[in-house]
């Protein structure tokens, strides 16, 4: 299989990643010696049956959890050597997050929610970039509205724009369309696809949905804490067939 990351710089990577929960008879190996790269300017999906380790891999690579052994890097920065404060700063400055729950502040406007992480960090947004991101959302006339005045799809567009606004090195999404109907979910995935193709962002998304995965450039398949397959230029049918073979 051709290595689709070989011609690109890695925005994040893991080397020999292991994650163990518990001890003795209750010990669970969530990740087993996983080595992987996520290239700059690429949309990657992580898939696998329940309990395969896909969310654990994303959380450890995003600095939300620590590996038991091995190493995770954002750019060339090894996460294991960072203390809690440095890890918090790296997540704030280098990483964007999109979650299934929108996590918007209900008392703030859409625009205030988008710039909130930078406001908390004491940084001013790049006005040209912010204009471009807001334009890409298609919500320019809704920026003064609070989340309660927006549909679920519009709220998730705001959440995606918030992840983009600080121009992070990489964006991690955990089931970002899981709470949306299929039409609205497709609109969000198209927006994420545009962020990669037109804005040059790097996105890694955990999903269980073959249709969602088909929007990405590359899909990694996990089972029992190990990478068992990889697919470039995925189609819905091909992803579905692979997932079915893994027992999900």
Protein backbone atom coordinates (compact mmCIF):
# COMPACT_ATOMS: atom_id res chain seq x y z
CA UNK A 1 0.00 0.00 0.00
CA UNK A 2 1.28 3.45 -0.86
CA UNK A 3 2.15 5.58 2.15
CA UNK A 4 -0.09 8.61 1.68
CA UNK A 5 1.77 10.55 4.39
CA UNK A 6 5.24 10.06 2.94
CA UNK A 7 5.20 13.27 0.91
CA UNK A 8 3.77 15.45 3.68
CA UNK A 9 5.02 16.82 6.99
CA UNK A 10 3.40 15.23 10.04
CA UNK A 11 1.15 17.58 12.02
CA UNK A 12 0.95 14.90 14.73
CA UNK A 13 2.32 11.40 15.17
CA UNK A 14 2.53 8.54 17.62
CA UNK A 15 5.43 6.13 18.04
CA UNK A 16 4.90 2.85 19.88
CA UNK A 17 1.86 4.27 21.66
CA UNK A 18 0.51 2.12 24.49
CA UNK A 19 -2.31 2.87 26.89
CA UNK A 20 -3.19 0.54 29.75
CA UNK A 21 -6.04 1.02 32.19
CA UNK A 22 -6.31 -0.83 35.49
CA UNK A 23 -4.06 -3.59 36.82
CA UNK A 24 -4.03 -7.31 37.31
CA UNK A 25 -7.12 -9.17 36.19
CA UNK A 26 -8.92 -5.90 35.38
CA UNK A 27 -6.14 -4.56 33.16
CA UNK A 28 -7.27 -3.29 29.76
CA UNK A 29 -4.88 -2.58 26.88
CA UNK A 30 -6.62 0.24 25.03
CA UNK A 31 -3.66 0.88 22.70
CA UNK A 32 -1.06 -1.70 21.73
CA UNK A 33 2.16 -0.33 20.19
CA UNK A 34 0.46 2.05 17.75
CA UNK A 35 2.66 4.08 15.39
CA UNK A 36 0.94 6.50 13.04
CA UNK A 37 1.35 9.89 11.38
CA UNK A 38 -1.25 12.50 10.47
CA UNK A 39 -0.07 14.69 7.64
CA UNK A 40 -0.46 18.45 7.36
CA UNK A 41 -3.26 19.59 5.11
CA UNK A 42 -5.06 16.26 5.23
CA UNK A 43 -8.44 15.08 6.53
CA UNK A 44 -8.05 11.74 8.34
CA UNK A 45 -10.67 9.55 9.98
CA UNK A 46 -10.18 6.94 12.72
CA UNK A 47 -12.68 4.08 12.80
CA UNK A 48 -13.17 0.76 14.53
CA UNK A 49 -15.58 -1.30 16.63
CA UNK A 50 -16.60 -0.13 20.09
CA UNK A 51 -13.65 -0.55 22.44
CA UNK A 52 -11.11 -0.61 19.60
CA UNK A 53 -9.12 2.30 21.02
CA UNK A 54 -10.05 4.97 18.48
CA UNK A 55 -11.12 7.63 21.00
CA UNK A 56 -8.21 6.75 23.29
CA UNK A 57 -5.76 7.26 20.42
CA UNK A 58 -7.24 10.66 19.60
CA UNK A 59 -7.28 11.77 23.24
CA UNK A 60 -3.65 10.76 23.80
CA UNK A 61 -2.49 12.43 20.60
CA UNK A 62 -4.41 15.58 21.48
CA UNK A 63 -2.87 15.79 24.95
CA UNK A 64 -6.17 15.10 26.73
CA UNK A 65 -4.81 11.85 28.19
CA UNK A 66 -1.30 10.50 28.70
CA UNK A 67 0.17 7.35 27.19
CA UNK A 68 1.37 4.52 29.39
CA UNK A 69 4.35 3.98 27.06
CA UNK A 70 5.57 5.25 23.72
CA UNK A 71 5.36 8.86 22.58
CA UNK A 72 2.93 11.26 20.94
CA UNK A 73 4.09 14.37 19.10
CA UNK A 74 2.34 17.53 17.96
CA UNK A 75 4.67 18.80 15.28
CA UNK A 76 8.05 17.92 16.74
CA UNK A 77 7.01 18.48 20.37
CA UNK A 78 6.91 15.26 22.47
CA UNK A 79 3.92 15.39 24.79
CA UNK A 80 5.32 13.13 27.52
CA UNK A 81 7.92 15.71 28.50
CA UNK A 82 5.37 18.48 29.09
CA UNK A 83 4.02 19.35 32.49
CA UNK A 84 0.35 20.13 32.96
CA UNK A 85 0.75 23.87 32.38
CA UNK A 86 2.84 23.41 29.24
CA UNK A 87 0.41 20.80 27.97
CA UNK A 88 -2.50 23.19 28.54
CA UNK A 89 -0.67 25.92 26.63
CA UNK A 90 0.13 23.59 23.74
CA UNK A 91 -3.51 22.51 23.46
CA UNK A 92 -4.57 26.15 23.50
CA UNK A 93 -2.01 27.32 20.93
CA UNK A 94 -1.57 24.35 18.60
CA UNK A 95 -4.73 22.23 18.72
CA UNK A 96 -8.38 22.78 17.88
CA UNK A 97 -11.20 20.57 19.17
CA UNK A 98 -14.65 19.72 17.82
CA UNK A 99 -16.83 17.54 20.03
CA UNK A 100 -20.19 15.84 19.60
CA UNK A 101 -21.62 18.30 22.13
CA UNK A 102 -21.18 21.81 20.76
CA UNK A 103 -19.81 23.21 24.06
CA UNK A 104 -20.85 26.78 23.26
CA UNK A 105 -21.36 29.39 25.98
CA UNK A 106 -25.08 30.21 25.88
CA UNK A 107 -24.71 33.84 27.02
CA UNK A 108 -22.19 34.72 24.29
CA UNK A 109 -22.89 35.52 20.65
CA UNK A 110 -21.72 33.20 17.89
CA UNK A 111 -18.78 35.48 17.12
CA UNK A 112 -17.84 35.76 20.81
CA UNK A 113 -17.90 31.96 21.07
CA UNK A 114 -15.63 31.67 18.03
CA UNK A 115 -12.95 33.98 19.46
CA UNK A 116 -13.36 32.84 23.09
CA UNK A 117 -10.26 30.58 23.26
CA UNK A 118 -8.08 33.41 21.95
CA UNK A 119 -9.72 35.90 24.32
CA UNK A 120 -8.95 33.61 27.26
CA UNK A 121 -5.35 33.36 26.06
CA UNK A 122 -5.06 37.15 25.80
CA UNK A 123 -4.49 37.02 22.05
CA UNK A 124 -6.18 39.02 19.31
CA UNK A 125 -7.47 37.05 16.34
CA UNK A 126 -6.05 37.61 12.88
CA UNK A 127 -8.88 39.71 11.47
CA UNK A 128 -8.37 38.62 7.85
CA UNK A 129 -8.31 34.95 8.83
CA UNK A 130 -11.33 35.35 11.10
CA UNK A 131 -13.27 36.98 8.26
CA UNK A 132 -12.32 34.07 5.99
CA UNK A 133 -13.39 31.47 8.54
CA UNK A 134 -16.70 33.20 9.26
CA UNK A 135 -17.33 33.52 5.52
CA UNK A 136 -16.68 29.79 5.13
CA UNK A 137 -19.34 29.00 7.75
CA UNK A 138 -22.04 30.73 5.71
CA UNK A 139 -23.27 32.27 8.97
CA UNK A 140 -22.06 35.82 8.49
CA UNK A 141 -25.53 37.22 9.23
CA UNK A 142 -25.88 35.13 12.40
CA UNK A 143 -22.72 36.16 14.22
CA UNK A 144 -24.64 38.35 16.67
CA UNK A 145 -27.02 35.54 17.64
CA UNK A 146 -26.64 33.46 20.79
CA UNK A 147 -26.51 29.64 20.55
CA UNK A 148 -30.15 29.31 21.65
CA UNK A 149 -31.15 31.29 18.57
CA UNK A 150 -29.30 28.94 16.22
CA UNK A 151 -30.17 25.49 14.90
CA UNK A 152 -28.08 22.48 15.91
CA UNK A 153 -26.26 22.56 12.59
CA UNK A 154 -25.55 26.27 12.91
CA UNK A 155 -24.23 25.74 16.44
CA UNK A 156 -21.86 23.04 15.20
CA UNK A 157 -20.68 25.36 12.41
CA UNK A 158 -19.82 27.86 15.13
CA UNK A 159 -17.97 25.13 17.03
CA UNK A 160 -15.99 24.19 13.91
CA UNK A 161 -15.22 27.85 13.23
CA UNK A 162 -14.03 28.21 16.85
CA UNK A 163 -11.61 25.32 16.27
CA UNK A 164 -10.36 26.98 13.07
CA UNK A 165 -10.15 30.56 14.30
CA UNK A 166 -6.79 30.33 16.03
CA UNK A 167 -5.21 28.58 12.99
CA UNK A 168 -4.18 25.51 15.00
CA UNK A 169 -1.63 23.06 13.68
CA UNK A 170 -4.22 20.28 13.90
CA UNK A 171 -7.91 19.87 14.71
CA UNK A 172 -9.25 16.77 16.46
CA UNK A 173 -12.95 15.92 16.13
CA UNK A 174 -14.73 13.30 18.25
CA UNK A 175 -17.94 12.26 16.47
CA UNK A 176 -18.55 15.91 15.45
CA UNK A 177 -21.79 15.13 13.59
CA UNK A 178 -23.08 12.54 16.06
CA UNK A 179 -25.88 14.78 17.39
CA UNK A 180 -27.04 16.00 13.97
CA UNK A 181 -29.50 14.71 11.40
CA UNK A 182 -28.01 13.34 8.19
CA UNK A 183 -28.60 16.47 6.09
CA UNK A 184 -27.12 18.81 8.67
CA UNK A 185 -24.27 16.37 9.32
CA UNK A 186 -23.43 16.37 5.62
CA UNK A 187 -23.32 20.18 5.62
CA UNK A 188 -20.86 20.16 8.55
CA UNK A 189 -18.67 17.52 6.86
CA UNK A 190 -18.64 19.56 3.66
CA UNK A 191 -17.57 22.57 5.71
CA UNK A 192 -14.78 20.54 7.32
CA UNK A 193 -13.74 19.31 3.87
CA UNK A 194 -13.62 22.93 2.68
CA UNK A 195 -11.48 23.87 5.69
CA UNK A 196 -8.89 21.33 4.54
CA UNK A 197 -9.08 22.03 0.80
CA UNK A 198 -9.43 25.83 0.85
CA UNK A 199 -8.07 26.91 4.23
CA UNK A 200 -5.24 24.36 4.47
CA UNK A 201 -6.28 22.93 7.83
CA UNK A 202 -5.42 19.49 9.19
CA UNK A 203 -8.28 17.46 10.67
CA UNK A 204 -8.35 14.09 12.45
CA UNK A 205 -11.86 12.79 13.15
CA UNK A 206 -13.07 9.81 15.15
CA UNK A 207 -16.28 8.46 13.66
CA UNK A 208 -18.35 5.28 13.51
CA UNK A 209 -20.14 6.37 10.34
CA UNK A 210 -18.90 5.20 6.89
CA UNK A 211 -20.62 8.13 5.19
CA UNK A 212 -18.76 10.60 7.40
CA UNK A 213 -15.48 8.78 6.81
CA UNK A 214 -15.96 9.07 3.04
CA UNK A 215 -15.37 12.83 3.30
CA UNK A 216 -11.80 12.24 4.48
CA UNK A 217 -8.62 11.63 2.52
CA UNK A 218 -7.63 8.62 4.57
CA UNK A 219 -9.17 6.21 7.06
CA UNK A 220 -7.35 4.26 9.76
CA UNK A 221 -9.07 1.18 11.16
CA UNK A 222 -8.41 0.04 14.73
CA UNK A 223 -9.32 -3.23 16.41
CA UNK A 224 -8.30 -4.35 19.90
CA UNK A 225 -6.00 -1.37 20.31
CA UNK A 226 -4.01 -1.88 17.10
CA UNK A 227 -4.14 -0.42 13.59
CA UNK A 228 -5.33 -3.26 11.38
CA UNK A 229 -6.01 -1.51 8.08
CA UNK A 230 -5.73 1.80 6.24
CA UNK A 231 -7.58 3.21 3.24
CA UNK A 232 -6.79 6.18 0.99
CA UNK A 233 -9.56 7.99 -0.93
CA UNK A 234 -12.29 6.09 0.93
CA UNK A 235 -15.80 5.45 -0.36
CA UNK A 236 -18.80 4.75 1.83
CA UNK A 237 -19.17 1.20 0.54
CA UNK A 238 -15.49 0.34 0.92
CA UNK A 239 -15.43 1.71 4.48
CA UNK A 240 -18.62 -0.16 5.36
CA UNK A 241 -17.20 -3.43 4.07
CA UNK A 242 -14.01 -3.01 6.09
CA UNK A 243 -15.86 -2.09 9.28
CA UNK A 244 -18.20 -5.05 8.83
CA UNK A 245 -15.20 -7.35 8.51
CA UNK A 246 -13.92 -6.03 11.85
CA UNK A 247 -17.14 -7.02 13.55
CA UNK A 248 -18.85 -3.70 14.22
